[in-house]
Amino acid sequence: MAKKKAAESEEVRLKKKVSAKLVGHSNPEGDAAMRALRKRLKREQRKRRALALRKKNAGGTKPAETAAPAAG
């Protein structure tokens, strides 16, 4: 069986967790758990951006002239 895609992405869940922990937090820089959450969030963002860049580069730079076939 194929894996089921989550209703919300890992990035969205991490953003919610980070924002929830920031509310009313006196020293977020010194909190190890907060740092770990932020690191996981940044890792997910890097993965998403790298994937988008790979897809863009895989598309090539061929002009859109192939859409209109030549008459002949």
Protein backbone atom coordinates (compact mmCIF):
# COMPACT_ATOMS: atom_id res chain seq x y z
CA MET A 1 0.00 0.00 0.00
CA ALA A 2 1.14 3.50 -0.72
CA LYS A 3 1.84 5.97 2.03
CA LYS A 4 -1.00 8.35 2.78
CA LYS A 5 -0.12 12.01 2.54
CA ALA A 6 -0.75 13.91 5.76
CA ALA A 7 -3.59 16.41 5.85
CA GLU A 8 -1.11 19.14 6.75
CA SER A 9 2.56 19.16 5.90
CA GLU A 10 5.33 18.74 8.42
CA GLU A 11 6.31 22.36 7.82
CA VAL A 12 2.84 23.64 8.76
CA ARG A 13 2.76 21.54 11.92
CA LEU A 14 6.20 22.78 12.97
CA LYS A 15 5.21 26.40 12.33
CA LYS A 16 2.18 25.93 14.60
CA LYS A 17 4.30 24.34 17.33
CA VAL A 18 6.90 27.12 17.19
CA SER A 19 4.30 29.87 17.32
CA ALA A 20 2.47 28.13 20.19
CA LYS A 21 5.68 27.84 22.23
CA LEU A 22 6.60 31.49 21.57
CA VAL A 23 3.41 32.78 23.21
CA GLY A 24 4.21 33.88 26.72
CA HIS A 25 7.77 32.56 26.62
CA SER A 26 10.24 34.62 28.63
CA ASN A 27 13.48 33.38 27.02
CA PRO A 28 12.95 31.53 23.73
CA GLU A 29 16.67 31.73 22.82
CA GLY A 30 17.69 29.68 25.84
CA ASP A 31 15.12 26.93 25.35
CA ALA A 32 16.66 23.78 23.87
CA ALA A 33 13.30 22.36 22.79
CA MET A 34 12.46 25.59 20.97
CA ARG A 35 15.83 25.50 19.22
CA ALA A 36 15.24 21.91 18.11
CA LEU A 37 11.80 22.82 16.74
CA ARG A 38 13.22 25.75 14.82
CA LYS A 39 16.00 23.58 13.40
CA ARG A 40 13.47 21.00 12.22
CA LEU A 41 11.36 23.76 10.65
CA LYS A 42 14.36 25.21 8.81
CA ARG A 43 15.32 21.73 7.57
CA GLU A 44 11.83 21.19 6.13
CA GLN A 45 11.93 24.61 4.46
CA ARG A 46 15.32 23.81 2.90
CA LYS A 47 13.96 20.50 1.60
CA ARG A 48 10.95 22.21 0.02
CA ARG A 49 13.06 24.92 -1.61
CA ALA A 50 15.62 22.42 -2.90
CA LEU A 51 12.88 20.29 -4.43
CA ALA A 52 11.33 23.30 -6.15
CA LEU A 53 14.72 24.30 -7.52
CA ARG A 54 15.43 20.77 -8.78
CA LYS A 55 12.06 20.66 -10.54
CA LYS A 56 12.69 24.07 -12.11
CA ASN A 57 16.13 23.07 -13.35
CA ALA A 58 14.88 19.72 -14.65
CA GLY A 59 12.37 21.53 -16.84
CA GLY A 60 15.13 22.88 -19.03
CA THR A 61 15.35 26.17 -20.88
CA LYS A 62 13.80 25.14 -24.19
CA PRO A 63 11.73 27.92 -25.79
CA ALA A 64 7.98 27.54 -26.16
CA GLU A 65 8.17 27.35 -29.97
CA THR A 66 7.36 23.63 -29.95
CA ALA A 67 3.76 24.40 -28.98
CA ALA A 68 2.94 25.69 -32.50
CA PRO A 69 3.79 23.05 -35.15
CA ALA A 70 5.19 24.33 -38.44
CA ALA A 71 2.86 24.25 -41.45
CA GLY A 72 4.16 22.18 -44.26
